[in-house]
Amino acid sequence: MANHYESEITQFLNQYKKQHAGTEQRQREGRARLWDKQIDPELQEGFRAARVPQQPYVYQTE
């Protein structure tokens, strides 16, 4: 593919980001709010220890 080629989607996104200057900052803030979290290892270990083994077929009665 040629180095100077830009798809219509890329052109649209670049134009949108130029018109709406704070877009990337809001994206970073949203990602930090939802995904970039510190995981507490002690809490994770507690979750693992509290797991109940599941039967191979969940709906089968004993």
PDB file of N, CA and C in Angstrom:
ATOM      1  N   MET A   1       0.849  -1.169   0.000  1.00  0.00           N
ATOM      2  CA  MET A   1       0.000   0.000   0.000  1.00  0.00           C
ATOM      3  C   MET A   1       0.902   1.242   0.000  1.00  0.00           C
ATOM      4  N   ALA A   2       0.494   2.236  -0.662  1.00  0.00           N
ATOM      5  CA  ALA A   2       1.286   3.462  -0.771  1.00  0.00           C
ATOM      6  C   ALA A   2       1.369   4.167   0.582  1.00  0.00           C
ATOM      7  N   ASN A   3       2.493   4.807   0.846  1.00  0.00           N
ATOM      8  CA  ASN A   3       2.686   5.494   2.118  1.00  0.00           C
ATOM      9  C   ASN A   3       1.796   6.723   2.264  1.00  0.00           C
ATOM     10  N   HIS A   4       1.410   7.326   1.181  1.00  0.00           N
ATOM     11  CA  HIS A   4       0.616   8.556   1.249  1.00  0.00           C
ATOM     12  C   HIS A   4      -0.886   8.294   1.296  1.00  0.00           C
ATOM     13  N   TYR A   5      -1.300   7.033   1.237  1.00  0.00           N
ATOM     14  CA  TYR A   5      -2.729   6.703   1.249  1.00  0.00           C
ATOM     15  C   TYR A   5      -3.304   6.820   2.655  1.00  0.00           C
ATOM     16  N   GLU A   6      -4.479   7.437   2.766  1.00  0.00           N
ATOM     17  CA  GLU A   6      -5.244   7.473   4.008  1.00  0.00           C
ATOM     18  C   GLU A   6      -6.671   7.082   3.681  1.00  0.00           C
ATOM     19  N   SER A   7      -7.213   6.162   4.452  1.00  0.00           N
ATOM     20  CA  SER A   7      -8.587   5.736   4.225  1.00  0.00           C
ATOM     21  C   SER A   7      -9.553   6.865   4.579  1.00  0.00           C
ATOM     22  N   GLU A   8     -10.778   6.711   4.146  1.00  0.00           N
ATOM     23  CA  GLU A   8     -11.801   7.719   4.442  1.00  0.00           C
ATOM     24  C   GLU A   8     -12.042   7.812   5.948  1.00  0.00           C
ATOM     25  N   ILE A   9     -11.974   6.683   6.626  1.00  0.00           N
ATOM     26  CA  ILE A   9     -12.177   6.676   8.078  1.00  0.00           C
ATOM     27  C   ILE A   9     -11.068   7.471   8.769  1.00  0.00           C
ATOM     28  N   THR A  10      -9.813   7.231   8.356  1.00  0.00           N
ATOM     29  CA  THR A  10      -8.692   7.956   8.946  1.00  0.00           C
ATOM     30  C   THR A  10      -8.814   9.446   8.676  1.00  0.00           C
ATOM     31  N   GLN A  11      -9.199   9.811   7.487  1.00  0.00           N
ATOM     32  CA  GLN A  11      -9.382  11.223   7.155  1.00  0.00           C
ATOM     33  C   GLN A  11     -10.478  11.838   8.018  1.00  0.00           C
ATOM     34  N   PHE A  12     -11.585  11.096   8.169  1.00  0.00           N
ATOM     35  CA  PHE A  12     -12.691  11.588   8.990  1.00  0.00           C
ATOM     36  C   PHE A  12     -12.238  11.793  10.435  1.00  0.00           C
ATOM     37  N   LEU A  13     -11.518  10.794  10.999  1.00  0.00           N
ATOM     38  CA  LEU A  13     -11.078  10.901  12.383  1.00  0.00           C
ATOM     39  C   LEU A  13     -10.108  12.055  12.580  1.00  0.00           C
ATOM     40  N   ASN A  14      -9.189  12.222  11.658  1.00  0.00           N
ATOM     41  CA  ASN A  14      -8.244  13.341  11.756  1.00  0.00           C
ATOM     42  C   ASN A  14      -8.965  14.684  11.687  1.00  0.00           C
ATOM     43  N   GLN A  15      -9.938  14.785  10.790  1.00  0.00           N
ATOM     44  CA  GLN A  15     -10.708  16.020  10.665  1.00  0.00           C
ATOM     45  C   GLN A  15     -11.537  16.270  11.929  1.00  0.00           C
ATOM     46  N   TYR A  16     -12.139  15.207  12.460  1.00  0.00           N
ATOM     47  CA  TYR A  16     -12.941  15.335  13.673  1.00  0.00           C
ATOM     48  C   TYR A  16     -12.085  15.811  14.842  1.00  0.00           C
ATOM     49  N   LYS A  17     -10.887  15.234  14.985  1.00  0.00           N
ATOM     50  CA  LYS A  17     -10.003  15.620  16.085  1.00  0.00           C
ATOM     51  C   LYS A  17      -9.523  17.057  15.951  1.00  0.00           C
ATOM     52  N   LYS A  18      -9.388  17.543  14.726  1.00  0.00           N
ATOM     53  CA  LYS A  18      -9.007  18.939  14.528  1.00  0.00           C
ATOM     54  C   LYS A  18     -10.149  19.871  14.936  1.00  0.00           C
ATOM     55  N   GLN A  19     -11.386  19.472  14.616  1.00  0.00           N
ATOM     56  CA  GLN A  19     -12.539  20.305  14.926  1.00  0.00           C
ATOM     57  C   GLN A  19     -12.918  20.242  16.411  1.00  0.00           C
ATOM     58  N   HIS A  20     -12.659  19.112  17.040  1.00  0.00           N
ATOM     59  CA  HIS A  20     -13.005  18.902  18.448  1.00  0.00           C
ATOM     60  C   HIS A  20     -11.712  18.625  19.207  1.00  0.00           C
ATOM     61  N   ALA A  21     -11.081  19.673  19.667  1.00  0.00           N
ATOM     62  CA  ALA A  21      -9.723  19.595  20.213  1.00  0.00           C
ATOM     63  C   ALA A  21      -9.598  18.704  21.446  1.00  0.00           C
ATOM     64  N   GLY A  22     -10.592  18.621  22.279  1.00  0.00           N
ATOM     65  CA  GLY A  22     -10.478  17.867  23.532  1.00  0.00           C
ATOM     66  C   GLY A  22     -10.822  16.394  23.429  1.00  0.00           C
ATOM     67  N   THR A  23     -11.030  15.892  22.236  1.00  0.00           N
ATOM     68  CA  THR A  23     -11.477  14.517  22.062  1.00  0.00           C
ATOM     69  C   THR A  23     -10.501  13.508  22.648  1.00  0.00           C
ATOM     70  N   GLU A  24      -9.236  13.617  22.317  1.00  0.00           N
ATOM     71  CA  GLU A  24      -8.263  12.639  22.793  1.00  0.00           C
ATOM     72  C   GLU A  24      -8.119  12.683  24.311  1.00  0.00           C
ATOM     73  N   GLN A  25      -8.168  13.852  24.884  1.00  0.00           N
ATOM     74  CA  GLN A  25      -8.081  13.970  26.343  1.00  0.00           C
ATOM     75  C   GLN A  25      -9.285  13.295  26.998  1.00  0.00           C
ATOM     76  N   ARG A  26     -10.480  13.508  26.463  1.00  0.00           N
ATOM     77  CA  ARG A  26     -11.677  12.862  27.015  1.00  0.00           C
ATOM     78  C   ARG A  26     -11.594  11.346  26.856  1.00  0.00           C
ATOM     79  N   GLN A  27     -11.024  10.869  25.751  1.00  0.00           N
ATOM     80  CA  GLN A  27     -10.850   9.429  25.563  1.00  0.00           C
ATOM     81  C   GLN A  27      -9.914   8.862  26.623  1.00  0.00           C
ATOM     82  N   ARG A  28      -8.821   9.547  26.884  1.00  0.00           N
ATOM     83  CA  ARG A  28      -7.878   9.084  27.906  1.00  0.00           C
ATOM     84  C   ARG A  28      -8.528   9.053  29.290  1.00  0.00           C
ATOM     85  N   GLU A  29      -9.306  10.093  29.603  1.00  0.00           N
ATOM     86  CA  GLU A  29      -9.987  10.147  30.895  1.00  0.00           C
ATOM     87  C   GLU A  29     -11.000   9.017  31.028  1.00  0.00           C
ATOM     88  N   GLY A  30     -11.736   8.736  29.958  1.00  0.00           N
ATOM     89  CA  GLY A  30     -12.699   7.645  29.981  1.00  0.00           C
ATOM     90  C   GLY A  30     -12.035   6.300  30.152  1.00  0.00           C
ATOM     91  N   ARG A  31     -10.923   6.115  29.460  1.00  0.00           N
ATOM     92  CA  ARG A  31     -10.200   4.855  29.607  1.00  0.00           C
ATOM     93  C   ARG A  31      -9.684   4.696  31.029  1.00  0.00           C
ATOM     94  N   ALA A  32      -9.138   5.746  31.593  1.00  0.00           N
ATOM     95  CA  ALA A  32      -8.613   5.680  32.960  1.00  0.00           C
ATOM     96  C   ALA A  32      -9.731   5.378  33.950  1.00  0.00           C
ATOM     97  N   ARG A  33     -10.906   5.920  33.708  1.00  0.00           N
ATOM     98  CA  ARG A  33     -12.035   5.709  34.613  1.00  0.00           C
ATOM     99  C   ARG A  33     -12.520   4.267  34.559  1.00  0.00           C
ATOM    100  N   LEU A  34     -12.498   3.659  33.367  1.00  0.00           N
ATOM    101  CA  LEU A  34     -13.090   2.335  33.214  1.00  0.00           C
ATOM    102  C   LEU A  34     -12.090   1.181  33.230  1.00  0.00           C
ATOM    103  N   TRP A  35     -10.902   1.375  32.683  1.00  0.00           N
ATOM    104  CA  TRP A  35     -10.018   0.238  32.446  1.00  0.00           C
ATOM    105  C   TRP A  35      -8.713   0.276  33.202  1.00  0.00           C
ATOM    106  N   ASP A  36      -8.072   1.391  33.313  1.00  0.00           N
ATOM    107  CA  ASP A  36      -6.740   1.456  33.911  1.00  0.00           C
ATOM    108  C   ASP A  36      -6.855   1.536  35.431  1.00  0.00           C
ATOM    109  N   LYS A  37      -7.046   0.398  36.048  1.00  0.00           N
ATOM    110  CA  LYS A  37      -7.224   0.329  37.496  1.00  0.00           C
ATOM    111  C   LYS A  37      -6.082  -0.476  38.115  1.00  0.00           C
ATOM    112  N   GLN A  38      -5.698  -0.093  39.318  1.00  0.00           N
ATOM    113  CA  GLN A  38      -4.728  -0.864  40.076  1.00  0.00           C
ATOM    114  C   GLN A  38      -5.452  -2.053  40.714  1.00  0.00           C
ATOM    115  N   ILE A  39      -4.867  -3.227  40.596  1.00  0.00           N
ATOM    116  CA  ILE A  39      -5.480  -4.436  41.141  1.00  0.00           C
ATOM    117  C   ILE A  39      -4.818  -4.768  42.467  1.00  0.00           C
ATOM    118  N   ASP A  40      -5.634  -4.961  43.490  1.00  0.00           N
ATOM    119  CA  ASP A  40      -5.143  -5.319  44.812  1.00  0.00           C
ATOM    120  C   ASP A  40      -4.883  -6.826  44.846  1.00  0.00           C
ATOM    121  N   PRO A  41      -3.633  -7.272  44.979  1.00  0.00           N
ATOM    122  CA  PRO A  41      -3.335  -8.707  44.941  1.00  0.00           C
ATOM    123  C   PRO A  41      -3.992  -9.487  46.074  1.00  0.00           C
ATOM    124  N   GLU A  42      -4.097  -8.897  47.252  1.00  0.00           N
ATOM    125  CA  GLU A  42      -4.739  -9.596  48.371  1.00  0.00           C
ATOM    126  C   GLU A  42      -6.226  -9.815  48.099  1.00  0.00           C
ATOM    127  N   LEU A  43      -6.858  -8.818  47.548  1.00  0.00           N
ATOM    128  CA  LEU A  43      -8.271  -8.936  47.217  1.00  0.00           C
ATOM    129  C   LEU A  43      -8.484  -9.985  46.129  1.00  0.00           C
ATOM    130  N   GLN A  44      -7.636 -10.002  45.117  1.00  0.00           N
ATOM    131  CA  GLN A  44      -7.721 -11.005  44.049  1.00  0.00           C
ATOM    132  C   GLN A  44      -7.551 -12.406  44.611  1.00  0.00           C
ATOM    133  N   GLU A  45      -6.618 -12.582  45.541  1.00  0.00           N
ATOM    134  CA  GLU A  45      -6.401 -13.900  46.145  1.00  0.00           C
ATOM    135  C   GLU A  45      -7.644 -14.338  46.912  1.00  0.00           C
ATOM    136  N   GLY A  46      -8.290 -13.408  47.588  1.00  0.00           N
ATOM    137  CA  GLY A  46      -9.533 -13.723  48.288  1.00  0.00           C
ATOM    138  C   GLY A  46     -10.632 -14.161  47.335  1.00  0.00           C
ATOM    139  N   PHE A  47     -10.728 -13.514  46.185  1.00  0.00           N
ATOM    140  CA  PHE A  47     -11.712 -13.907  45.178  1.00  0.00           C
ATOM    141  C   PHE A  47     -11.439 -15.317  44.677  1.00  0.00           C
ATOM    142  N   ARG A  48     -10.163 -15.619  44.436  1.00  0.00           N
ATOM    143  CA  ARG A  48      -9.808 -16.962  43.953  1.00  0.00           C
ATOM    144  C   ARG A  48     -10.133 -18.021  44.999  1.00  0.00           C
ATOM    145  N   ALA A  49      -9.853 -17.728  46.262  1.00  0.00           N
ATOM    146  CA  ALA A  49     -10.102 -18.688  47.329  1.00  0.00           C
ATOM    147  C   ALA A  49     -11.599 -18.916  47.543  1.00  0.00           C
ATOM    148  N   ALA A  50     -12.423 -17.937  47.244  1.00  0.00           N
ATOM    149  CA  ALA A  50     -13.862 -18.036  47.485  1.00  0.00           C
ATOM    150  C   ALA A  50     -14.616 -18.720  46.348  1.00  0.00           C
ATOM    151  N   ARG A  51     -13.924 -19.055  45.294  1.00  0.00           N
ATOM    152  CA  ARG A  51     -14.605 -19.702  44.159  1.00  0.00           C
ATOM    153  C   ARG A  51     -15.160 -21.063  44.543  1.00  0.00           C
ATOM    154  N   VAL A  52     -16.328 -21.376  44.022  1.00  0.00           N
ATOM    155  CA  VAL A  52     -16.960 -22.668  44.233  1.00  0.00           C
ATOM    156  C   VAL A  52     -16.834 -23.451  42.935  1.00  0.00           C
ATOM    157  N   PRO A  53     -16.336 -24.689  42.980  1.00  0.00           N
ATOM    158  CA  PRO A  53     -16.206 -25.447  41.740  1.00  0.00           C
ATOM    159  C   PRO A  53     -17.579 -25.707  41.114  1.00  0.00           C
ATOM    160  N   GLN A  54     -17.626 -25.603  39.826  1.00  0.00           N
ATOM    161  CA  GLN A  54     -18.874 -25.765  39.099  1.00  0.00           C
ATOM    162  C   GLN A  54     -18.937 -27.156  38.492  1.00  0.00           C
ATOM    163  N   GLN A  55     -20.140 -27.731  38.483  1.00  0.00           N
ATOM    164  CA  GLN A  55     -20.338 -29.042  37.869  1.00  0.00           C
ATOM    165  C   GLN A  55     -20.175 -28.925  36.363  1.00  0.00           C
ATOM    166  N   PRO A  56     -19.791 -30.032  35.698  1.00  0.00           N
ATOM    167  CA  PRO A  56     -19.632 -29.976  34.241  1.00  0.00           C
ATOM    168  C   PRO A  56     -20.921 -29.568  33.523  1.00  0.00           C
ATOM    169  N   TYR A  57     -22.062 -30.081  33.990  1.00  0.00           N
ATOM    170  CA  TYR A  57     -23.330 -29.677  33.416  1.00  0.00           C
ATOM    171  C   TYR A  57     -24.111 -28.961  34.502  1.00  0.00           C
ATOM    172  N   VAL A  58     -24.274 -27.680  34.367  1.00  0.00           N
ATOM    173  CA  VAL A  58     -24.799 -26.830  35.439  1.00  0.00           C
ATOM    174  C   VAL A  58     -26.221 -27.197  35.840  1.00  0.00           C
ATOM    175  N   TYR A  59     -27.049 -27.597  34.894  1.00  0.00           N
ATOM    176  CA  TYR A  59     -28.466 -27.796  35.171  1.00  0.00           C
ATOM    177  C   TYR A  59     -28.785 -29.209  35.658  1.00  0.00           C
ATOM    178  N   GLN A  60     -27.790 -30.072  35.757  1.00  0.00           N
ATOM    179  CA  GLN A  60     -28.027 -31.427  36.214  1.00  0.00           C
ATOM    180  C   GLN A  60     -28.171 -31.440  37.728  1.00  0.00           C
ATOM    181  N   THR A  61     -29.206 -32.129  38.211  1.00  0.00           N
ATOM    182  CA  THR A  61     -29.380 -32.256  39.672  1.00  0.00           C
ATOM    183  C   THR A  61     -28.573 -33.451  40.136  1.00  0.00           C
ATOM    184  N   GLU A  62     -28.253 -33.436  41.409  1.00  0.00           N
ATOM    185  CA  GLU A  62     -27.409 -34.520  41.949  1.00  0.00           C
ATOM    186  C   GLU A  62     -28.172 -35.734  42.277  1.00  0.00           C
TER     187      GLU A  62
END
